């Protein structure tokens, strides 16, 4: 009889351990505060003065407040550099700024829905549709 109890105890322990492993593997610290998708497409950091960080993101959001909230937490700011974040509404027309920095081809401009920047003095800027007069098409 004690061998049966020992086997049952081992099975219960194995089940508990398995449940703990599954819960740890699927645990998320908190749900995302954003309703939309934000995908980084490129990141550029210029180390020589003037220092700046540039990032490009694809998002399916059209909510100005959500984009601004995301922008404010997207990149760390050390107080000495400029941060510039471009948001685009078309995944295939979001430039990878990793090599180009702010010098990406004009063909992406019509898809840019917002720019957020933070300057070394702490001032912030947010502009929706900064290139709204750029026509879509085969721009270089």
Protein backbone atom coordinates (compact mmCIF):
# COMPACT_ATOMS: atom_id res chain seq x y z
CA UNK A 1 0.00 0.00 0.00
CA UNK A 2 2.84 2.41 0.79
CA UNK A 3 4.28 1.88 -2.69
CA UNK A 4 0.94 2.99 -4.21
CA UNK A 5 0.88 6.11 -2.01
CA UNK A 6 4.49 6.84 -2.91
CA UNK A 7 3.62 6.62 -6.65
CA UNK A 8 0.57 8.87 -6.20
CA UNK A 9 2.66 11.44 -4.30
CA UNK A 10 5.29 11.37 -7.08
CA UNK A 11 2.60 11.89 -9.72
CA UNK A 12 1.11 14.83 -7.77
CA UNK A 13 4.54 16.40 -7.34
CA UNK A 14 5.26 15.94 -11.06
CA UNK A 15 1.95 17.58 -11.96
CA UNK A 16 2.58 20.52 -9.60
CA UNK A 17 6.10 21.03 -10.98
CA UNK A 18 4.74 20.81 -14.54
CA UNK A 19 2.06 23.41 -13.77
CA UNK A 20 4.67 25.73 -12.25
CA UNK A 21 6.92 25.38 -15.32
CA UNK A 22 4.02 26.11 -17.69
CA UNK A 23 2.88 29.13 -15.66
CA UNK A 24 6.42 30.58 -15.55
CA UNK A 25 6.89 30.04 -19.29
CA UNK A 26 3.63 31.79 -20.16
CA UNK A 27 3.66 34.46 -17.46
CA UNK A 28 3.69 38.08 -18.56
CA UNK A 29 4.53 40.80 -16.03
CA UNK A 30 1.66 42.99 -17.21
CA UNK A 31 -0.41 43.45 -20.31
CA UNK A 32 0.79 46.06 -22.76
CA UNK A 33 -0.71 49.48 -22.07
CA UNK A 34 -0.99 49.99 -25.82
CA UNK A 35 -3.91 48.81 -27.92
CA UNK A 36 -1.85 48.97 -31.09
CA UNK A 37 1.26 47.42 -32.59
CA UNK A 38 4.60 49.23 -32.52
CA UNK A 39 7.48 47.55 -34.37
CA UNK A 40 10.96 49.03 -34.51
CA UNK A 41 12.29 48.98 -38.07
CA UNK A 42 15.59 50.73 -37.48
CA UNK A 43 17.74 52.47 -34.93
CA UNK A 44 20.67 54.84 -35.50
CA UNK A 45 22.94 56.42 -32.88
CA UNK A 46 25.39 59.18 -33.72
CA UNK A 47 28.15 59.22 -31.11
CA UNK A 48 30.00 62.32 -32.26
CA UNK A 49 28.57 65.76 -31.46
CA UNK A 50 25.87 66.63 -31.99
CA UNK A 51 24.76 63.29 -30.53
CA UNK A 52 21.38 61.96 -31.55
CA UNK A 53 19.29 58.81 -31.60
CA UNK A 54 17.00 58.15 -34.54
CA UNK A 55 14.43 55.37 -34.66
CA UNK A 56 11.78 54.34 -37.15
CA UNK A 57 8.66 52.45 -36.12
CA UNK A 58 5.79 50.89 -37.96
CA UNK A 59 2.48 51.24 -36.14
CA UNK A 60 -1.11 50.43 -36.92
CA UNK A 61 -2.23 53.11 -34.49
CA UNK A 62 -3.90 56.31 -35.64
CA UNK A 63 -4.40 57.57 -32.08
CA UNK A 64 -2.20 60.63 -31.50
CA UNK A 65 -2.21 60.18 -27.72
CA UNK A 66 -1.20 56.51 -27.95
CA UNK A 67 1.64 57.27 -30.38
CA UNK A 68 2.89 60.13 -28.20
CA UNK A 69 2.72 57.96 -25.06
CA UNK A 70 4.70 55.23 -26.82
CA UNK A 71 7.25 57.73 -28.16
CA UNK A 72 7.98 59.13 -24.71
CA UNK A 73 9.02 55.72 -23.39
CA UNK A 74 10.51 54.18 -26.56
CA UNK A 75 14.10 55.41 -26.25
CA UNK A 76 16.13 56.26 -23.17
CA UNK A 77 17.21 59.90 -22.99
CA UNK A 78 20.44 60.84 -21.23
CA UNK A 79 19.90 64.61 -21.25
CA UNK A 80 22.77 65.28 -23.65
CA UNK A 81 21.43 64.03 -26.94
CA UNK A 82 18.57 64.60 -29.31
CA UNK A 83 16.03 61.84 -29.83
CA UNK A 84 14.05 61.68 -33.08
CA UNK A 85 11.42 58.99 -33.64
CA UNK A 86 9.56 58.55 -36.90
CA UNK A 87 6.28 56.61 -37.01
CA UNK A 88 4.97 55.07 -40.24
CA UNK A 89 1.61 53.49 -41.07
CA UNK A 90 2.80 51.02 -43.72
CA UNK A 91 5.14 48.20 -42.70
CA UNK A 92 6.69 47.80 -46.15
CA UNK A 93 7.14 51.57 -46.47
CA UNK A 94 8.91 52.10 -43.15
CA UNK A 95 12.60 52.84 -43.69
CA UNK A 96 15.33 51.11 -41.74
CA UNK A 97 17.27 54.08 -40.40
CA UNK A 98 20.08 51.93 -38.99
CA UNK A 99 22.50 53.08 -41.68
CA UNK A 100 20.88 56.24 -43.04
CA UNK A 101 19.92 58.01 -39.83
CA UNK A 102 17.61 60.87 -40.79
CA UNK A 103 18.65 60.70 -44.45
CA UNK A 104 16.20 58.15 -45.82
CA UNK A 105 14.68 58.22 -49.33
CA UNK A 106 11.73 60.56 -49.98
CA UNK A 107 9.56 57.64 -51.11
CA UNK A 108 8.84 56.89 -47.44
CA UNK A 109 7.62 60.40 -46.57
CA UNK A 110 3.92 59.89 -47.45
CA UNK A 111 3.74 57.02 -44.95
CA UNK A 112 5.21 58.99 -42.04
CA UNK A 113 2.33 59.73 -39.68
CA UNK A 114 4.24 61.37 -36.82
CA UNK A 115 7.59 62.60 -35.58
CA UNK A 116 8.52 62.88 -31.92
CA UNK A 117 11.69 64.60 -30.78
CA UNK A 118 13.32 65.48 -27.48
CA UNK A 119 16.17 67.94 -27.33
CA UNK A 120 19.15 68.16 -24.92
CA UNK A 121 17.43 71.05 -23.11
CA UNK A 122 14.43 68.80 -22.37
CA UNK A 123 12.01 70.39 -24.83
CA UNK A 124 9.76 67.98 -26.72
CA UNK A 125 8.02 68.19 -30.07
CA UNK A 126 5.32 66.04 -31.67
CA UNK A 127 4.13 66.58 -35.22
CA UNK A 128 1.46 64.59 -37.02
CA UNK A 129 1.76 63.99 -40.79
CA UNK A 130 4.95 66.03 -41.21
CA UNK A 131 5.20 65.26 -44.93
CA UNK A 132 1.49 65.49 -45.79
CA UNK A 133 2.17 67.34 -49.05
CA UNK A 134 4.48 64.63 -50.42
CA UNK A 135 2.58 62.62 -53.03
CA UNK A 136 2.71 58.83 -53.00
CA UNK A 137 4.43 57.37 -55.97
CA UNK A 138 7.85 56.54 -57.26
CA UNK A 139 9.91 59.12 -55.38
CA UNK A 140 13.63 58.64 -54.90
